[in-house]
PDB file of N, CA and C in Angstrom:
ATOM      1  N   MET A   1      19.102 -84.255-102.185  1.00  0.00           N
ATOM      2  CA  MET A   1      19.377 -84.512-101.209  1.00  0.00           C
ATOM      3  C   MET A   1      18.747 -83.695-100.299  1.00  0.00           C
ATOM      4  N   ARG A   2      18.612 -84.353 -98.880  1.00  0.00           N
ATOM      5  CA  ARG A   2      17.389 -83.873 -97.525  1.00  0.00           C
ATOM      6  C   ARG A   2      18.960 -82.959 -96.212  1.00  0.00           C
ATOM      7  N   ARG A   3      18.372 -81.879 -95.839  1.00  0.00           N
ATOM      8  CA  ARG A   3      18.771 -80.572 -95.915  1.00  0.00           C
ATOM      9  C   ARG A   3      18.842 -81.191 -94.353  1.00  0.00           C
ATOM     10  N   MET A   4      19.776 -81.576 -93.537  1.00  0.00           N
ATOM     11  CA  MET A   4      19.345 -81.564 -92.025  1.00  0.00           C
ATOM     12  C   MET A   4      18.854 -80.370 -91.130  1.00  0.00           C
ATOM     13  N   LEU A   5      18.212 -80.589 -90.716  1.00  0.00           N
ATOM     14  CA  LEU A   5      16.995 -79.584 -89.474  1.00  0.00           C
ATOM     15  C   LEU A   5      17.886 -79.391 -88.694  1.00  0.00           C
ATOM     16  N   ASN A   6      17.736 -77.885 -88.120  1.00  0.00           N
ATOM     17  CA  ASN A   6      18.732 -77.556 -86.812  1.00  0.00           C
ATOM     18  C   ASN A   6      17.803 -78.306 -85.602  1.00  0.00           C
ATOM     19  N   GLU A   7      19.019 -77.619 -84.398  1.00  0.00           N
ATOM     20  CA  GLU A   7      17.698 -78.214 -83.498  1.00  0.00           C
ATOM     21  C   GLU A   7      16.245 -76.968 -82.888  1.00  0.00           C
ATOM     22  N   VAL A   8      16.649 -75.550 -83.803  1.00  0.00           N
ATOM     23  CA  VAL A   8      15.732 -74.332 -83.628  1.00  0.00           C
ATOM     24  C   VAL A   8      14.452 -75.287 -85.051  1.00  0.00           C
ATOM     25  N   GLU A   9      14.833 -75.547 -86.361  1.00  0.00           N
ATOM     26  CA  GLU A   9      14.518 -75.500 -87.074  1.00  0.00           C
ATOM     27  C   GLU A   9      13.009 -76.997 -86.265  1.00  0.00           C
ATOM     28  N   LEU A  10      13.735 -77.703 -85.997  1.00  0.00           N
ATOM     29  CA  LEU A  10      13.295 -79.305 -84.867  1.00  0.00           C
ATOM     30  C   LEU A  10      11.870 -79.067 -84.538  1.00  0.00           C
ATOM     31  N   ALA A  11      12.353 -78.062 -83.261  1.00  0.00           N
ATOM     32  CA  ALA A  11      10.909 -77.359 -82.380  1.00  0.00           C
ATOM     33  C   ALA A  11      10.129 -76.189 -83.655  1.00  0.00           C
ATOM     34  N   ASN A  12      10.541 -75.805 -83.868  1.00  0.00           N
ATOM     35  CA  ASN A  12       9.395 -75.252 -85.293  1.00  0.00           C
ATOM     36  C   ASN A  12       9.044 -76.237 -85.737  1.00  0.00           C
ATOM     37  N   THR A  13       9.289 -77.227 -86.567  1.00  0.00           N
ATOM     38  CA  THR A  13       8.677 -77.833 -86.912  1.00  0.00           C
ATOM     39  C   THR A  13       8.148 -78.936 -86.087  1.00  0.00           C
ATOM     40  N   ARG A  14       8.216 -79.246 -85.497  1.00  0.00           N
ATOM     41  CA  ARG A  14       6.832 -80.083 -83.892  1.00  0.00           C
ATOM     42  C   ARG A  14       6.133 -79.537 -83.752  1.00  0.00           C
ATOM     43  N   ARG A  15       6.205 -77.845 -83.723  1.00  0.00           N
ATOM     44  CA  ARG A  15       4.826 -77.282 -83.031  1.00  0.00           C
ATOM     45  C   ARG A  15       4.008 -77.036 -84.378  1.00  0.00           C
ATOM     46  N   LYS A  16       4.432 -76.847 -85.773  1.00  0.00           N
ATOM     47  CA  LYS A  16       4.319 -76.890 -86.596  1.00  0.00           C
ATOM     48  C   LYS A  16       3.463 -78.072 -86.720  1.00  0.00           C
ATOM     49  N   LEU A  17       3.268 -79.456 -86.937  1.00  0.00           N
ATOM     50  CA  LEU A  17       3.494 -80.290 -86.856  1.00  0.00           C
ATOM     51  C   LEU A  17       1.697 -80.805 -85.572  1.00  0.00           C
ATOM     52  N   SER A  18       2.435 -80.207 -84.461  1.00  0.00           N
ATOM     53  CA  SER A  18       0.909 -80.994 -83.539  1.00  0.00           C
ATOM     54  C   SER A  18       0.165 -79.267 -83.997  1.00  0.00           C
ATOM     55  N   GLU A  19       0.200 -78.190 -85.056  1.00  0.00           N
ATOM     56  CA  GLU A  19      -1.161 -77.145 -84.880  1.00  0.00           C
ATOM     57  C   GLU A  19      -1.632 -77.860 -85.829  1.00  0.00           C
ATOM     58  N   LEU A  20      -0.708 -78.126 -87.169  1.00  0.00           N
ATOM     59  CA  LEU A  20      -1.705 -79.464 -87.958  1.00  0.00           C
ATOM     60  C   LEU A  20      -2.625 -80.560 -87.327  1.00  0.00           C
ATOM     61  N   GLU A  21      -1.767 -81.060 -86.899  1.00  0.00           N
ATOM     62  CA  GLU A  21      -2.864 -82.122 -86.502  1.00  0.00           C
ATOM     63  C   GLU A  21      -4.332 -81.640 -85.642  1.00  0.00           C
ATOM     64  N   ARG A  22      -4.029 -81.038 -84.785  1.00  0.00           N
ATOM     65  CA  ARG A  22      -4.921 -79.876 -84.066  1.00  0.00           C
ATOM     66  C   ARG A  22      -5.743 -80.019 -85.238  1.00  0.00           C
ATOM     67  N   LEU A  23      -6.040 -78.622 -86.147  1.00  0.00           N
ATOM     68  CA  LEU A  23      -6.370 -78.075 -86.913  1.00  0.00           C
ATOM     69  C   LEU A  23      -6.993 -79.633 -87.653  1.00  0.00           C
ATOM     70  N   TYR A  24      -6.781 -80.800 -88.618  1.00  0.00           N
ATOM     71  CA  TYR A  24      -7.221 -82.111 -88.457  1.00  0.00           C
ATOM     72  C   TYR A  24      -8.260 -82.558 -88.037  1.00  0.00           C
ATOM     73  N   GLU A  25      -8.037 -82.788 -86.746  1.00  0.00           N
ATOM     74  CA  GLU A  25      -8.890 -82.805 -85.947  1.00  0.00           C
ATOM     75  C   GLU A  25      -9.805 -82.683 -85.697  1.00  0.00           C
ATOM     76  N   ALA A  26     -10.418 -81.020 -86.656  1.00  0.00           N
ATOM     77  CA  ALA A  26     -11.124 -80.201 -85.947  1.00  0.00           C
ATOM     78  C   ALA A  26     -12.099 -80.123 -87.613  1.00  0.00           C
ATOM     79  N   HIS A  27     -11.282 -80.684 -88.016  1.00  0.00           N
ATOM     80  CA  HIS A  27     -11.962 -80.845 -89.808  1.00  0.00           C
ATOM     81  C   HIS A  27     -12.266 -82.251 -89.524  1.00  0.00           C
ATOM     82  N   GLU A  28     -12.850 -82.993 -89.362  1.00  0.00           N
ATOM     83  CA  GLU A  28     -12.901 -84.637 -88.933  1.00  0.00           C
ATOM     84  C   GLU A  28     -14.076 -84.386 -88.081  1.00  0.00           C
ATOM     85  N   HIS A  29     -14.587 -83.620 -87.368  1.00  0.00           N
ATOM     86  CA  HIS A  29     -15.596 -83.413 -87.131  1.00  0.00           C
ATOM     87  C   HIS A  29     -15.702 -82.143 -87.445  1.00  0.00           C
ATOM     88  N   GLU A  30     -16.331 -81.920 -88.958  1.00  0.00           N
ATOM     89  CA  GLU A  30     -16.779 -81.183 -88.429  1.00  0.00           C
ATOM     90  C   GLU A  30     -17.973 -80.869 -89.510  1.00  0.00           C
ATOM     91  N   THR A  31     -19.138 -80.916 -89.184  1.00  0.00           N
ATOM     92  CA  THR A  31     -20.321 -81.237 -90.164  1.00  0.00           C
ATOM     93  C   THR A  31     -20.359 -79.656 -91.697  1.00  0.00           C
ATOM     94  N   GLY A  32     -21.631 -80.260 -91.757  1.00  0.00           N
ATOM     95  CA  GLY A  32     -21.813 -79.222 -92.462  1.00  0.00           C
ATOM     96  C   GLY A  32     -21.065 -78.701 -93.831  1.00  0.00           C
ATOM     97  N   GLY A  33     -21.164 -77.975 -94.514  1.00  0.00           N
ATOM     98  CA  GLY A  33     -20.582 -77.146 -95.358  1.00  0.00           C
ATOM     99  C   GLY A  33     -20.628 -78.193 -97.120  1.00  0.00           C
ATOM    100  N   ASP A  34     -19.689 -78.449 -98.208  1.00  0.00           N
ATOM    101  CA  ASP A  34     -18.724 -78.755 -98.562  1.00  0.00           C
ATOM    102  C   ASP A  34     -18.263 -80.680 -98.017  1.00  0.00           C
ATOM    103  N   GLU A  35     -18.875 -80.936 -98.891  1.00  0.00           N
ATOM    104  CA  GLU A  35     -18.349 -82.942 -98.972  1.00  0.00           C
ATOM    105  C   GLU A  35     -17.004 -82.917 -99.125  1.00  0.00           C
ATOM    106  N   GLU A  36     -17.012 -82.674-100.752  1.00  0.00           N
ATOM    107  CA  GLU A  36     -16.027 -82.747-101.553  1.00  0.00           C
ATOM    108  C   GLU A  36     -14.331 -82.259-101.335  1.00  0.00           C
ATOM    109  N   LEU A  37     -15.095 -80.869-100.679  1.00  0.00           N
ATOM    110  CA  LEU A  37     -13.831 -79.687-100.367  1.00  0.00           C
ATOM    111  C   LEU A  37     -12.852 -79.670 -98.988  1.00  0.00           C
ATOM    112  N   ARG A  38     -14.332 -80.326 -97.965  1.00  0.00           N
ATOM    113  CA  ARG A  38     -13.224 -81.073 -96.924  1.00  0.00           C
ATOM    114  C   ARG A  38     -12.331 -81.595 -96.951  1.00  0.00           C
ATOM    115  N   GLU A  39     -13.167 -83.253 -98.027  1.00  0.00           N
ATOM    116  CA  GLU A  39     -12.506 -84.564 -98.469  1.00  0.00           C
ATOM    117  C   GLU A  39     -11.011 -83.562 -98.833  1.00  0.00           C
ATOM    118  N   ILE A  40     -10.546 -83.035-100.159  1.00  0.00           N
ATOM    119  CA  ILE A  40      -9.244 -82.346-100.809  1.00  0.00           C
ATOM    120  C   ILE A  40      -9.106 -81.714 -99.145  1.00  0.00           C
ATOM    121  N   SER A  41      -9.477 -80.238 -99.086  1.00  0.00           N
ATOM    122  CA  SER A  41      -8.424 -80.301 -97.586  1.00  0.00           C
ATOM    123  C   SER A  41      -8.364 -81.511 -96.365  1.00  0.00           C
ATOM    124  N   MET A  42      -8.306 -82.014 -95.902  1.00  0.00           N
ATOM    125  CA  MET A  42      -8.417 -83.334 -95.112  1.00  0.00           C
ATOM    126  C   MET A  42      -6.537 -84.235 -96.360  1.00  0.00           C
ATOM    127  N   GLU A  43      -7.570 -84.393 -97.422  1.00  0.00           N
ATOM    128  CA  GLU A  43      -6.069 -85.035 -97.615  1.00  0.00           C
ATOM    129  C   GLU A  43      -4.657 -84.171 -97.715  1.00  0.00           C
ATOM    130  N   SER A  44      -5.255 -82.432 -97.741  1.00  0.00           N
ATOM    131  CA  SER A  44      -3.935 -81.629 -98.096  1.00  0.00           C
ATOM    132  C   SER A  44      -3.729 -81.956 -96.677  1.00  0.00           C
ATOM    133  N   LEU A  45      -3.692 -81.853 -95.730  1.00  0.00           N
ATOM    134  CA  LEU A  45      -3.348 -81.807 -94.105  1.00  0.00           C
ATOM    135  C   LEU A  45      -3.034 -83.034 -94.093  1.00  0.00           C
ATOM    136  N   LYS A  46      -3.333 -84.115 -94.570  1.00  0.00           N
ATOM    137  CA  LYS A  46      -2.808 -85.639 -94.250  1.00  0.00           C
ATOM    138  C   LYS A  46      -1.659 -85.478 -94.771  1.00  0.00           C
ATOM    139  N   ARG A  47      -0.844 -84.809 -95.860  1.00  0.00           N
ATOM    140  CA  ARG A  47      -0.182 -84.954 -96.413  1.00  0.00           C
ATOM    141  C   ARG A  47       1.495 -83.623 -96.073  1.00  0.00           C
ATOM    142  N   LEU A  48       0.617 -82.715 -96.152  1.00  0.00           N
ATOM    143  CA  LEU A  48       2.089 -82.132 -95.138  1.00  0.00           C
ATOM    144  C   LEU A  48       2.296 -82.901 -93.642  1.00  0.00           C
ATOM    145  N   ILE A  49       1.168 -82.840 -92.927  1.00  0.00           N
ATOM    146  CA  ILE A  49       1.699 -83.411 -91.811  1.00  0.00           C
ATOM    147  C   ILE A  49       2.438 -84.713 -91.767  1.00  0.00           C
ATOM    148  N   ASN A  50       2.280 -86.156 -92.834  1.00  0.00           N
ATOM    149  CA  ASN A  50       2.988 -87.210 -93.300  1.00  0.00           C
ATOM    150  C   ASN A  50       4.165 -86.034 -93.467  1.00  0.00           C
ATOM    151  N   GLN A  51       4.913 -84.996 -93.811  1.00  0.00           N
ATOM    152  CA  GLN A  51       5.432 -84.797 -94.586  1.00  0.00           C
ATOM    153  C   GLN A  51       5.638 -84.344 -93.248  1.00  0.00           C
ATOM    154  N   LEU A  52       5.697 -83.703 -92.692  1.00  0.00           N
ATOM    155  CA  LEU A  52       6.925 -82.502 -91.160  1.00  0.00           C
ATOM    156  C   LEU A  52       6.976 -84.412 -90.780  1.00  0.00           C
ATOM    157  N   GLN A  53       6.238 -85.308 -89.903  1.00  0.00           N
ATOM    158  CA  GLN A  53       6.990 -86.239 -89.656  1.00  0.00           C
ATOM    159  C   GLN A  53       8.079 -86.834 -90.277  1.00  0.00           C
ATOM    160  N   GLU A  54       8.089 -86.417 -91.799  1.00  0.00           N
ATOM    161  CA  GLU A  54       9.039 -87.555 -92.087  1.00  0.00           C
ATOM    162  C   GLU A  54      10.214 -86.680 -92.012  1.00  0.00           C
ATOM    163  N   GLU A  55      10.100 -85.607 -92.430  1.00  0.00           N
ATOM    164  CA  GLU A  55      11.451 -84.392 -91.666  1.00  0.00           C
ATOM    165  C   GLU A  55      12.132 -84.508 -90.546  1.00  0.00           C
ATOM    166  N   ILE A  56      11.074 -85.185 -89.418  1.00  0.00           N
ATOM    167  CA  ILE A  56      11.812 -84.538 -88.307  1.00  0.00           C
ATOM    168  C   ILE A  56      12.138 -85.964 -87.326  1.00  0.00           C
ATOM    169  N   ILE A  57      11.337 -87.051 -88.622  1.00  0.00           N
ATOM    170  CA  ILE A  57      12.519 -88.531 -88.390  1.00  0.00           C
ATOM    171  C   ILE A  57      13.514 -88.431 -88.789  1.00  0.00           C
ATOM    172  N   TRP A  58      14.020 -87.723 -90.231  1.00  0.00           N
ATOM    173  CA  TRP A  58      15.057 -88.308 -90.016  1.00  0.00           C
ATOM    174  C   TRP A  58      15.529 -86.771 -89.013  1.00  0.00           C
ATOM    175  N   SER A  59      16.033 -86.295 -89.556  1.00  0.00           N
ATOM    176  CA  SER A  59      16.793 -84.903 -89.083  1.00  0.00           C
ATOM    177  C   SER A  59      17.389 -85.582 -87.119  1.00  0.00           C
ATOM    178  N   GLU A  60      15.637 -86.336 -86.442  1.00  0.00           N
ATOM    179  CA  GLU A  60      16.550 -87.156 -85.477  1.00  0.00           C
ATOM    180  C   GLU A  60      17.687 -88.435 -85.689  1.00  0.00           C
ATOM    181  N   VAL A  61      16.827 -88.829 -86.217  1.00  0.00           N
ATOM    182  CA  VAL A  61      18.024 -90.443 -87.493  1.00  0.00           C
ATOM    183  C   VAL A  61      19.768 -89.786 -87.630  1.00  0.00           C
ATOM    184  N   HIS A  62      19.406 -88.902 -88.730  1.00  0.00           N
ATOM    185  CA  HIS A  62      20.403 -88.728 -88.514  1.00  0.00           C
ATOM    186  C   HIS A  62      21.452 -87.289 -87.718  1.00  0.00           C
ATOM    187  N   GLN A  63      20.803 -87.574 -87.060  1.00  0.00           N
ATOM    188  CA  GLN A  63      21.298 -86.470 -85.907  1.00  0.00           C
ATOM    189  C   GLN A  63      22.148 -87.175 -84.766  1.00  0.00           C
ATOM    190  N   THR A  64      21.359 -87.831 -84.221  1.00  0.00           N
ATOM    191  CA  THR A  64      21.572 -89.269 -83.538  1.00  0.00           C
ATOM    192  C   THR A  64      22.977 -90.611 -84.000  1.00  0.00           C
ATOM    193  N   ALA A  65      22.546 -90.623 -85.299  1.00  0.00           N
ATOM    194  CA  ALA A  65      23.673 -90.883 -86.394  1.00  0.00           C
ATOM    195  C   ALA A  65      25.139 -89.966 -86.499  1.00  0.00           C
ATOM    196  N   ARG A  66      25.018 -88.877 -86.466  1.00  0.00           N
ATOM    197  CA  ARG A  66      26.959 -88.203 -86.772  1.00  0.00           C
ATOM    198  C   ARG A  66      27.474 -88.006 -84.874  1.00  0.00           C
ATOM    199  N   ARG A  67      26.421 -88.294 -83.772  1.00  0.00           N
ATOM    200  CA  ARG A  67      26.356 -88.149 -82.286  1.00  0.00           C
ATOM    201  C   ARG A  67      27.472 -89.906 -81.832  1.00  0.00           C
TER     202      ARG A  67
END
């Protein structure tokens, strides 16, 4: 079962998400280097971004439902 994030954790998760989204965009525009490695890194970043988005949404929905 998931644990609902408290306000501080939620704020930190939003900050991390924002940083990861910026990193993802930077990697999208990157050229040169190992293309396969870049693709693997992008997939990993995208999975982490999706996970954080889900945690934020889940916590927001359950916080709203508790009020």
